[in-house]
Amino acid sequence: MALGQVELAVRVIAGLFVIVAPTLLFLGLWRGLEAMRDDELIQQVHQHAEMQDQSPAGPDWPVDAVRDAESSPLSETSLSVVTCDTCGTPNMEDATYCQECLTELA
């Protein structure tokens, strides 16, 4: 009879572990992600969204209407840029395919 009680105790402990361990791991992951949160980036995105809401044209500007060489993120860096012959999108020099239209770059 004692062997049956030991087996039952082992099964109860294993069941509790299966129920409690994922919950504790999830809570640890949640706290870790909160600790890694970049508040400055979130604030910048929020300010950018507010500026778009207050602009005279409104937030419905298409992204492609603003795309040119001066507004490209690549033009702000010191990286060499290769322009796609098909769509004119600036790409990094070591890129094999265009990031916009996926055609092979020369």
C-alpha atoms as a PDB file:
ATOM      1  CA  MET A   1       0.000   0.000   0.000  1.00  0.00           C
ATOM      2  CA  ALA A   2       2.876   2.378   0.697  1.00  0.00           C
ATOM      3  CA  LEU A   3       4.072   2.011  -2.897  1.00  0.00           C
ATOM      4  CA  GLY A   4       0.696   3.237  -4.197  1.00  0.00           C
ATOM      5  CA  GLN A   5       0.882   6.340  -2.010  1.00  0.00           C
ATOM      6  CA  VAL A   6       4.414   7.116  -3.215  1.00  0.00           C
ATOM      7  CA  GLU A   7       3.316   6.729  -6.823  1.00  0.00           C
ATOM      8  CA  LEU A   8       0.335   9.017  -6.192  1.00  0.00           C
ATOM      9  CA  ALA A   9       2.575  11.624  -4.524  1.00  0.00           C
ATOM     10  CA  VAL A  10       4.993  11.532  -7.492  1.00  0.00           C
ATOM     11  CA  ARG A  11       2.120  11.973  -9.937  1.00  0.00           C
ATOM     12  CA  VAL A  12       0.679  14.902  -7.961  1.00  0.00           C
ATOM     13  CA  ILE A  13       4.087  16.595  -7.804  1.00  0.00           C
ATOM     14  CA  ALA A  14       4.622  16.045 -11.555  1.00  0.00           C
ATOM     15  CA  GLY A  15       1.159  17.450 -12.277  1.00  0.00           C
ATOM     16  CA  LEU A  16       1.825  20.526 -10.163  1.00  0.00           C
ATOM     17  CA  PHE A  17       5.150  21.031 -11.929  1.00  0.00           C
ATOM     18  CA  VAL A  18       3.482  20.804 -15.347  1.00  0.00           C
ATOM     19  CA  ILE A  19       0.887  23.396 -14.284  1.00  0.00           C
ATOM     20  CA  VAL A  20       3.109  25.808 -12.337  1.00  0.00           C
ATOM     21  CA  ALA A  21       6.376  25.770 -14.340  1.00  0.00           C
ATOM     22  CA  PRO A  22       5.002  27.295 -17.595  1.00  0.00           C
ATOM     23  CA  THR A  23       3.257  30.014 -15.605  1.00  0.00           C
ATOM     24  CA  LEU A  24       6.458  30.928 -13.789  1.00  0.00           C
ATOM     25  CA  LEU A  25       8.442  30.860 -17.025  1.00  0.00           C
ATOM     26  CA  PHE A  26       5.884  33.140 -18.698  1.00  0.00           C
ATOM     27  CA  LEU A  27       5.972  35.609 -15.814  1.00  0.00           C
ATOM     28  CA  GLY A  28       9.779  35.611 -15.922  1.00  0.00           C
ATOM     29  CA  LEU A  29       9.702  36.272 -19.668  1.00  0.00           C
ATOM     30  CA  TRP A  30       7.169  39.081 -19.185  1.00  0.00           C
ATOM     31  CA  ARG A  31       9.321  40.785 -16.547  1.00  0.00           C
ATOM     32  CA  GLY A  32      12.433  40.343 -18.679  1.00  0.00           C
ATOM     33  CA  LEU A  33      10.736  41.953 -21.674  1.00  0.00           C
ATOM     34  CA  GLU A  34       9.548  44.835 -19.502  1.00  0.00           C
ATOM     35  CA  ALA A  35      13.107  45.338 -18.272  1.00  0.00           C
ATOM     36  CA  MET A  36      14.432  45.405 -21.864  1.00  0.00           C
ATOM     37  CA  ARG A  37      11.743  47.831 -23.047  1.00  0.00           C
ATOM     38  CA  ASP A  38      13.205  50.896 -24.737  1.00  0.00           C
ATOM     39  CA  ASP A  39      11.137  53.765 -23.335  1.00  0.00           C
ATOM     40  CA  GLU A  40      12.973  56.403 -25.407  1.00  0.00           C
ATOM     41  CA  LEU A  41      12.094  54.621 -28.661  1.00  0.00           C
ATOM     42  CA  ILE A  42       8.451  54.293 -27.602  1.00  0.00           C
ATOM     43  CA  GLN A  43       8.344  57.996 -26.766  1.00  0.00           C
ATOM     44  CA  GLN A  44       9.858  58.945 -30.154  1.00  0.00           C
ATOM     45  CA  VAL A  45       7.312  56.814 -32.022  1.00  0.00           C
ATOM     46  CA  HIS A  46       4.494  58.357 -29.987  1.00  0.00           C
ATOM     47  CA  GLN A  47       5.741  61.894 -30.752  1.00  0.00           C
ATOM     48  CA  HIS A  48       6.061  61.037 -34.449  1.00  0.00           C
ATOM     49  CA  ALA A  49       2.471  59.747 -34.506  1.00  0.00           C
ATOM     50  CA  GLU A  50       1.242  62.911 -32.794  1.00  0.00           C
ATOM     51  CA  MET A  51       3.093  65.074 -35.332  1.00  0.00           C
ATOM     52  CA  GLN A  52       1.474  63.148 -38.197  1.00  0.00           C
ATOM     53  CA  ASP A  53      -1.966  63.614 -36.620  1.00  0.00           C
ATOM     54  CA  GLN A  54      -1.384  67.375 -36.373  1.00  0.00           C
ATOM     55  CA  SER A  55      -0.007  67.779 -39.912  1.00  0.00           C
ATOM     56  CA  PRO A  56      -2.308  69.583 -42.396  1.00  0.00           C
ATOM     57  CA  ALA A  57      -2.428  66.620 -44.771  1.00  0.00           C
ATOM     58  CA  GLY A  58      -3.285  64.218 -41.960  1.00  0.00           C
ATOM     59  CA  PRO A  59      -1.851  60.784 -41.209  1.00  0.00           C
ATOM     60  CA  ASP A  60      -3.106  59.260 -44.485  1.00  0.00           C
ATOM     61  CA  TRP A  61       0.005  60.149 -46.494  1.00  0.00           C
ATOM     62  CA  PRO A  62       1.173  57.178 -48.509  1.00  0.00           C
ATOM     63  CA  VAL A  63       4.665  56.074 -47.601  1.00  0.00           C
ATOM     64  CA  ASP A  64       5.725  55.888 -51.269  1.00  0.00           C
ATOM     65  CA  ALA A  65       4.948  59.591 -51.828  1.00  0.00           C
ATOM     66  CA  VAL A  66       7.728  60.551 -49.430  1.00  0.00           C
ATOM     67  CA  ARG A  67      10.276  58.089 -50.778  1.00  0.00           C
ATOM     68  CA  ASP A  68      13.171  59.847 -52.491  1.00  0.00           C
ATOM     69  CA  ALA A  69      16.935  59.942 -52.091  1.00  0.00           C
ATOM     70  CA  GLU A  70      16.925  62.712 -49.471  1.00  0.00           C
ATOM     71  CA  SER A  71      14.331  61.086 -47.212  1.00  0.00           C
ATOM     72  CA  SER A  72      15.802  57.617 -47.415  1.00  0.00           C
ATOM     73  CA  PRO A  73      17.256  56.233 -44.172  1.00  0.00           C
ATOM     74  CA  LEU A  74      20.262  55.098 -46.192  1.00  0.00           C
ATOM     75  CA  SER A  75      21.105  58.667 -47.209  1.00  0.00           C
ATOM     76  CA  GLU A  76      21.578  59.641 -43.541  1.00  0.00           C
ATOM     77  CA  THR A  77      24.323  57.066 -43.016  1.00  0.00           C
ATOM     78  CA  SER A  78      27.822  56.871 -44.391  1.00  0.00           C
ATOM     79  CA  LEU A  79      27.030  53.624 -46.262  1.00  0.00           C
ATOM     80  CA  SER A  80      27.360  53.399 -50.016  1.00  0.00           C
ATOM     81  CA  VAL A  81      24.039  53.264 -51.823  1.00  0.00           C
ATOM     82  CA  VAL A  82      23.087  51.423 -55.009  1.00  0.00           C
ATOM     83  CA  THR A  83      19.907  52.581 -56.737  1.00  0.00           C
ATOM     84  CA  CYS A  84      17.617  49.956 -58.246  1.00  0.00           C
ATOM     85  CA  ASP A  85      17.277  50.324 -62.026  1.00  0.00           C
ATOM     86  CA  THR A  86      13.667  49.108 -61.961  1.00  0.00           C
ATOM     87  CA  CYS A  87      12.034  51.122 -59.158  1.00  0.00           C
ATOM     88  CA  GLY A  88      14.712  53.639 -58.130  1.00  0.00           C
ATOM     89  CA  THR A  89      14.836  52.538 -54.480  1.00  0.00           C
ATOM     90  CA  PRO A  90      18.198  53.131 -52.765  1.00  0.00           C
ATOM     91  CA  ASN A  91      19.720  49.907 -51.420  1.00  0.00           C
ATOM     92  CA  MET A  92      22.874  49.123 -49.480  1.00  0.00           C
ATOM     93  CA  GLU A  93      25.907  48.508 -51.662  1.00  0.00           C
ATOM     94  CA  ASP A  94      26.297  44.847 -50.674  1.00  0.00           C
ATOM     95  CA  ALA A  95      22.601  44.031 -51.328  1.00  0.00           C
ATOM     96  CA  THR A  96      21.932  41.370 -53.950  1.00  0.00           C
ATOM     97  CA  TYR A  97      18.238  42.116 -54.429  1.00  0.00           C
ATOM     98  CA  CYS A  98      16.199  45.324 -54.205  1.00  0.00           C
ATOM     99  CA  GLN A  99      14.406  45.722 -50.887  1.00  0.00           C
ATOM    100  CA  GLU A 100      11.315  47.139 -52.610  1.00  0.00           C
ATOM    101  CA  CYS A 101      10.718  45.209 -55.848  1.00  0.00           C
ATOM    102  CA  LEU A 102      13.045  42.215 -55.247  1.00  0.00           C
ATOM    103  CA  THR A 103      14.783  42.476 -58.618  1.00  0.00           C
ATOM    104  CA  GLU A 104      18.432  41.458 -58.755  1.00  0.00           C
ATOM    105  CA  LEU A 105      20.802  44.413 -58.498  1.00  0.00           C
ATOM    106  CA  ALA A 106      23.710  44.861 -60.883  1.00  0.00           C
END
